[in-house]
Protein backbone atom coordinates (compact mmCIF):
# COMPACT_ATOMS: atom_id res chain seq x y z
CA MET A 1 59.39 -21.20 -44.22
CA ASN A 2 57.78 -21.06 -47.67
CA LYS A 3 59.18 -19.21 -50.66
CA ARG A 4 56.63 -16.41 -50.44
CA ALA A 5 57.61 -15.73 -46.83
CA VAL A 6 61.28 -15.56 -47.74
CA PHE A 7 60.51 -13.21 -50.62
CA LEU A 8 58.41 -10.88 -48.50
CA SER A 9 61.05 -10.86 -45.77
CA VAL A 10 63.78 -9.89 -48.22
CA ILE A 11 61.62 -7.20 -49.83
CA SER A 12 60.66 -5.69 -46.47
CA ALA A 13 64.23 -5.64 -45.16
CA ALA A 14 65.58 -4.27 -48.44
CA GLY A 15 62.98 -1.53 -48.49
CA ILE A 16 63.88 -0.38 -45.00
CA ALA A 17 67.60 -0.40 -45.76
CA TRP A 18 67.01 1.42 -49.06
CA GLY A 19 64.92 4.08 -47.37
CA SER A 20 67.70 4.84 -44.91
CA SER A 21 70.54 4.89 -47.43
CA ALA A 22 68.55 6.98 -49.95
CA ALA A 23 67.85 9.80 -47.53
CA ARG A 24 70.43 12.25 -48.88
CA ALA A 25 69.44 11.70 -52.50
CA ALA A 26 65.73 12.03 -51.79
CA ASP A 27 66.27 15.16 -49.72
CA ALA A 28 68.18 16.83 -52.54
CA PHE A 29 65.47 15.85 -55.02
CA VAL A 30 62.34 17.05 -53.24
CA GLN A 31 63.23 19.66 -50.65
CA ASP A 32 62.85 22.64 -52.96
CA ASP A 33 59.93 21.34 -55.03
CA ASN A 34 56.52 20.97 -53.42
CA THR A 35 55.05 19.26 -56.48
CA ILE A 36 56.72 15.95 -55.51
CA ARG A 37 56.99 14.82 -51.90
CA PHE A 38 58.43 11.53 -50.66
CA MET A 39 58.36 9.99 -47.19
CA PHE A 40 59.52 6.68 -45.78
CA GLU A 41 58.66 5.01 -42.50
CA SER A 42 60.32 2.00 -40.89
CA GLN A 43 58.68 0.15 -38.04
CA SER A 44 59.17 -2.66 -35.55
CA SER A 45 56.37 -4.01 -33.40
CA TYR A 46 55.62 -6.55 -30.70
CA VAL A 47 52.27 -8.32 -30.85
CA PHE A 48 50.51 -9.98 -27.92
CA LEU A 49 47.44 -12.13 -28.61
CA LYS A 50 44.77 -13.17 -26.11
CA GLY A 51 41.32 -14.75 -26.41
CA ASN A 52 39.63 -18.14 -26.59
CA ALA A 53 40.44 -18.49 -30.33
CA VAL A 54 44.20 -18.35 -29.67
CA ASP A 55 45.63 -21.80 -28.98
CA SER A 56 48.66 -23.93 -29.79
CA PRO A 57 50.39 -24.13 -32.24
CA GLU A 58 49.39 -20.54 -33.05
CA ASP A 59 51.92 -17.94 -31.94
CA ASP A 60 50.52 -15.70 -29.19
CA PHE A 61 53.57 -13.41 -29.11
CA TYR A 62 55.80 -12.33 -31.99
CA SER A 63 57.64 -9.34 -33.42
CA THR A 64 57.35 -7.76 -36.87
CA THR A 65 59.45 -5.63 -39.20
CA ALA A 66 57.66 -3.28 -41.60
CA GLY A 67 58.21 -0.41 -44.01
CA VAL A 68 56.00 1.97 -45.99
CA ALA A 69 56.93 4.50 -48.69
CA ARG A 70 54.60 7.26 -49.88
CA LEU A 71 55.08 9.46 -52.94
CA ASN A 72 52.75 12.43 -53.47
CA PHE A 73 52.29 14.43 -56.67
CA ASP A 74 50.67 17.89 -56.54
CA MET A 75 48.99 18.01 -59.95
CA GLY A 76 47.92 21.65 -59.60
CA ASN A 77 44.72 23.46 -58.59
CA GLY A 78 44.61 21.46 -55.35
CA PHE A 79 44.46 18.00 -56.96
CA ASN A 80 46.87 15.41 -55.56
CA LEU A 81 47.83 11.83 -56.38
CA GLN A 82 49.63 9.73 -53.78
CA GLY A 83 51.03 6.23 -54.17
CA ASP A 84 51.85 3.89 -51.27
CA ALA A 85 54.02 0.76 -51.14
CA PHE A 86 54.18 -1.30 -47.96
CA GLY A 87 55.45 -4.59 -46.58
CA GLU A 88 55.60 -6.40 -43.26
CA TYR A 89 57.08 -9.65 -41.99
CA ALA A 90 56.32 -11.44 -38.69
CA TRP A 91 59.13 -13.30 -36.94
CA LEU A 92 57.21 -16.37 -35.77
CA ASN A 93 58.36 -19.30 -33.68
CA SER A 94 59.49 -22.24 -35.81
CA GLY A 95 56.52 -24.39 -34.82
CA ALA A 96 53.86 -21.73 -35.26
CA ASP A 97 50.85 -22.52 -37.40
CA ALA A 98 47.79 -20.54 -38.56
CA SER A 99 49.50 -17.25 -37.59
CA TYR A 100 49.80 -13.95 -39.46
CA LEU A 101 53.07 -14.05 -41.40
CA SER A 102 53.45 -11.27 -43.98
CA THR A 103 52.04 -8.46 -46.08
CA LEU A 104 53.08 -6.96 -49.39
CA GLY A 105 50.94 -4.37 -51.13
CA GLY A 106 50.31 -0.96 -52.59
CA GLY A 107 47.72 1.79 -52.55
CA LEU A 108 46.60 4.91 -54.40
CA HIS A 109 44.94 8.10 -53.11
CA ALA A 110 43.34 10.78 -55.31
CA TYR A 111 42.20 13.85 -53.43
CA MET A 112 41.63 17.59 -53.44
CA ARG A 113 43.46 19.61 -50.79
CA GLY A 114 43.12 23.21 -49.67
CA ASP A 115 44.02 25.35 -46.68
CA THR A 116 41.32 23.88 -44.47
CA GLY A 117 41.49 20.20 -45.40
CA ALA A 118 41.46 17.44 -47.99
CA LEU A 119 38.82 15.12 -49.48
CA GLY A 120 39.21 12.20 -51.87
CA LEU A 121 39.17 8.50 -52.69
CA TYR A 122 41.59 5.66 -51.99
CA GLY A 123 42.16 2.03 -52.90
CA ALA A 124 44.71 -0.64 -52.00
CA LEU A 125 45.67 -4.21 -52.89
CA ALA A 126 47.76 -6.59 -50.76
CA ASP A 127 48.86 -10.18 -50.40
CA VAL A 128 48.50 -11.46 -46.82
CA GLY A 129 50.45 -14.57 -45.80
CA ILE A 130 49.31 -16.98 -43.07
CA GLU A 131 51.91 -19.50 -41.88
CA LYS A 132 51.25 -22.94 -43.44
CA THR A 133 47.46 -22.62 -43.63
CA GLY A 134 46.45 -20.01 -46.17
CA GLY A 135 46.10 -16.33 -46.77
CA GLY A 136 45.58 -14.62 -50.09
CA LYS A 137 44.89 -11.38 -51.84
CA THR A 138 42.74 -8.66 -50.32
CA HIS A 139 41.58 -5.25 -51.48
CA THR A 140 39.93 -2.19 -50.01
CA PHE A 141 38.60 1.12 -51.29
CA GLY A 142 36.71 4.05 -49.86
CA VAL A 143 36.45 7.78 -49.23
CA GLU A 144 38.70 9.81 -46.94
CA GLY A 145 39.05 13.33 -45.66
CA GLN A 146 41.05 15.58 -43.35
CA TRP A 147 40.14 18.83 -41.62
CA TYR A 148 42.86 21.25 -40.50
CA ALA A 149 42.28 23.60 -37.55
CA GLY A 150 45.50 25.32 -36.60
CA ASP A 151 47.74 22.73 -34.96
CA ALA A 152 44.99 20.09 -34.92
CA THR A 153 43.91 17.65 -37.63
CA LEU A 154 40.81 15.48 -37.76
CA GLY A 155 40.65 12.63 -40.27
CA ALA A 156 38.05 10.07 -41.35
CA GLN A 157 37.77 7.11 -43.72
CA ALA A 158 34.85 4.91 -44.71
CA GLY A 159 35.48 1.90 -46.90
CA PHE A 160 34.78 -1.61 -48.18
CA LEU A 161 37.08 -4.62 -47.60
CA ASP A 162 37.02 -7.90 -49.51
CA SER A 163 39.29 -10.84 -50.39
CA ASP A 164 39.74 -13.23 -53.29
CA HIS A 165 37.93 -16.04 -51.40
CA ASN A 166 40.80 -18.53 -51.89
CA ASP A 167 40.93 -18.66 -48.09
CA ASP A 168 37.40 -18.74 -46.66
CA ASP A 169 38.69 -17.50 -43.32
CA MET A 170 39.67 -14.11 -44.70
CA ILE A 171 37.31 -11.17 -44.26
CA ARG A 172 34.95 -10.47 -47.14
CA ASP A 173 32.03 -8.17 -47.92
CA ALA A 174 32.96 -5.91 -45.02
CA PHE A 175 32.36 -2.23 -44.35
CA TYR A 176 34.35 -0.14 -41.92
CA VAL A 177 34.79 3.39 -40.61
CA ARG A 178 37.89 4.99 -39.12
CA GLY A 179 38.49 8.30 -37.40
CA LEU A 180 41.60 10.00 -36.04
CA ALA A 181 42.64 13.14 -34.21
CA ARG A 182 46.16 14.56 -34.32
CA TYR A 183 47.70 17.52 -32.51
CA TYR A 184 51.07 19.16 -33.20
CA PHE A 185 52.88 20.60 -30.20
CA ALA A 186 55.65 21.64 -32.62
CA GLU A 187 56.43 21.11 -36.29
CA ASN A 188 57.91 17.67 -35.54
CA THR A 189 56.16 16.73 -32.30
CA LEU A 190 52.68 15.24 -32.33
CA VAL A 191 50.21 13.07 -30.47
CA GLN A 192 47.55 11.04 -32.28
CA ALA A 193 44.54 8.94 -31.31
CA GLU A 194 42.37 6.85 -33.62
CA ALA A 195 39.57 4.30 -33.65
CA ALA A 196 37.99 2.05 -36.29
CA TYR A 197 35.10 -0.40 -36.52
CA LEU A 198 34.57 -3.17 -39.11
CA HIS A 199 31.68 -5.54 -39.77
CA GLY A 200 31.77 -8.25 -42.41
CA GLU A 201 31.79 -11.99 -43.08
CA MET A 202 34.34 -14.79 -42.76
CA ASP A 203 34.54 -18.59 -42.75
CA GLY A 204 32.75 -21.05 -45.02
CA ASP A 205 29.55 -20.59 -43.03
CA ASN A 206 29.48 -16.84 -43.67
CA ASP A 207 29.91 -16.12 -39.97
CA GLY A 208 29.76 -12.47 -39.02
CA ILE A 209 32.95 -10.77 -37.85
CA ASP A 210 33.27 -7.54 -35.89
CA ILE A 211 36.55 -5.77 -35.19
CA LEU A 212 37.05 -2.72 -33.00
CA SER A 213 40.47 -1.07 -33.31
CA VAL A 214 41.94 1.71 -31.20
CA GLY A 215 45.35 3.34 -31.35
CA ALA A 216 47.58 6.09 -30.00
CA ARG A 217 50.90 7.53 -31.19
CA LEU A 218 53.51 9.94 -29.83
CA GLN A 219 56.19 11.25 -32.20
CA HIS A 220 59.15 13.61 -31.89
CA GLU A 221 62.17 14.44 -34.03
CA LEU A 222 65.68 13.51 -32.92
CA ASP A 223 68.48 14.91 -35.08
CA PHE A 224 71.96 13.79 -34.08
CA PHE A 225 73.75 15.06 -37.20
CA PRO A 226 74.19 18.61 -38.54
CA GLY A 227 72.69 19.73 -41.84
CA ASP A 228 69.65 18.44 -43.70
CA PHE A 229 70.28 14.74 -43.07
CA ASP A 230 67.76 14.00 -40.29
CA TRP A 231 69.04 10.90 -38.53
CA PRO A 232 67.65 8.97 -36.75
CA GLY A 233 64.65 11.03 -37.86
CA LYS A 234 61.22 11.54 -36.38
CA ILE A 235 60.87 8.62 -34.00
CA TYR A 236 57.60 7.40 -32.55
CA ILE A 237 56.11 4.95 -30.10
CA ALA A 238 52.56 3.75 -30.61
CA TYR A 239 49.93 1.31 -29.43
CA ARG A 240 47.25 -0.46 -31.44
CA GLY A 241 44.53 -2.71 -30.04
CA ASP A 242 42.41 -4.90 -32.33
CA PHE A 243 39.48 -6.70 -30.72
CA ALA A 244 37.86 -9.25 -33.04
CA ASP A 245 34.75 -11.39 -32.54
CA GLN A 246 33.42 -14.20 -34.74
CA ASP A 247 29.73 -13.86 -34.07
CA ASN A 248 28.26 -17.32 -34.69
CA GLU A 249 31.15 -19.22 -33.06
CA ASN A 250 31.47 -16.92 -30.05
CA ASP A 251 35.23 -16.82 -30.66
CA HIS A 252 37.30 -13.75 -29.99
CA VAL A 253 40.88 -12.50 -30.34
CA ASN A 254 42.35 -9.50 -28.54
CA SER A 255 45.50 -8.22 -30.23
CA HIS A 256 47.73 -5.73 -28.41
CA THR A 257 50.60 -4.22 -30.43
CA ILE A 258 53.43 -1.96 -29.27
CA LEU A 259 55.10 -0.18 -32.20
CA PHE A 260 58.39 1.68 -32.56
CA GLY A 261 59.46 3.46 -35.71
CA THR A 262 61.04 6.33 -37.57
CA THR A 263 59.63 8.64 -40.24
CA TRP A 264 61.81 10.41 -42.80
CA THR A 265 60.23 13.34 -44.64
CA PHE A 266 63.43 14.55 -46.35
CA GLY A 267 63.69 18.24 -45.62
CA HIS A 268 60.13 18.83 -44.43
CA SER A 269 58.48 18.76 -41.03
CA LEU A 270 55.77 16.28 -40.09
CA ARG A 271 53.18 19.04 -39.99
CA ASP A 272 54.24 20.50 -43.34
CA ASN A 273 54.26 17.04 -44.91
CA GLU A 274 50.68 16.51 -43.77
CA ARG A 275 49.45 19.84 -45.10
CA ASN A 276 51.50 19.88 -48.33
CA GLY A 277 52.95 16.42 -48.95
CA ALA A 278 52.11 12.74 -48.56
CA ALA A 279 49.23 13.35 -46.16
CA MET A 280 47.16 10.17 -46.42
CA ASP A 281 47.61 6.72 -44.90
CA LEU A 282 45.64 3.47 -45.04
CA PRO A 283 43.62 1.63 -42.40
CA ALA A 284 45.19 -1.50 -40.89
CA PHE A 285 43.22 -3.75 -43.24
CA THR A 286 45.98 -6.34 -43.70
CA ARG A 287 46.29 -6.81 -39.94
CA TRP A 288 42.52 -7.30 -39.77
CA GLN A 289 42.84 -10.00 -42.41
CA GLY A 290 45.76 -11.54 -40.51
CA ILE A 291 43.66 -11.84 -37.36
CA SER A 292 40.68 -13.30 -39.22
CA ALA A 293 42.56 -15.86 -41.33
CA GLY A 294 45.07 -16.56 -38.56
CA PRO A 295 44.05 -17.21 -34.96
CA LEU A 296 40.33 -16.44 -35.34
CA GLU A 297 39.72 -18.97 -38.14
């Protein structure tokens, strides 16, 4: 395992542990002040890969550990700034090669929000690790919006994805769109469905790449302790499917991911956090890069 992988693993694990242990302090800091909202999400997933581009020694099944923190500032008059920090590490088999390994990155959202929705811009940078064979830096930016209709939320993003070209197999010069629908059965119970489509280039021959992503999520709060300390928090189970095709080579990878996680919003409900707190998230652009530079290359 290379030094970068070890570093990213330590950072990811430390972030998750920190988020759990800091819950009381964060709750006391933000629960009575809507101008600053903080949320933390920990996640484990199991990834299953299929397709003619997946072959030995690439890992076709592995688990990951991930964490994301979001801090939102209400600047007044509806203007909001939100910062994201995220990391992920894949627990690969010892002999795995050319497989997605890790992510470490950050993002920024600037948007206007009112009673009926939000509209703004976002950007993110990340380092994507590929076991033994490459990886590199990637960035994305675009426009995003949300529309609130009672207990329902509709969201959309349209953006551009590129890489630093140190690894020719990473996605570059790509455009994508993403849409989601979310419904709250209660303040801390929701169901969500989403879909995204990307088209860009990869490989030294500038082969076209197309990725279709779909996902679903069910989330509900479990609170085993009295008071404001919500433990284990708002747990969720989710599915994400990423279906990638390298046009000129007729290669394809089908990635099926089962995710389990917990969200801490520190004194606020999931619905209230969306409408008044850290409302925005990012598309799964690092996983797209991991598929492209990993098994699809």
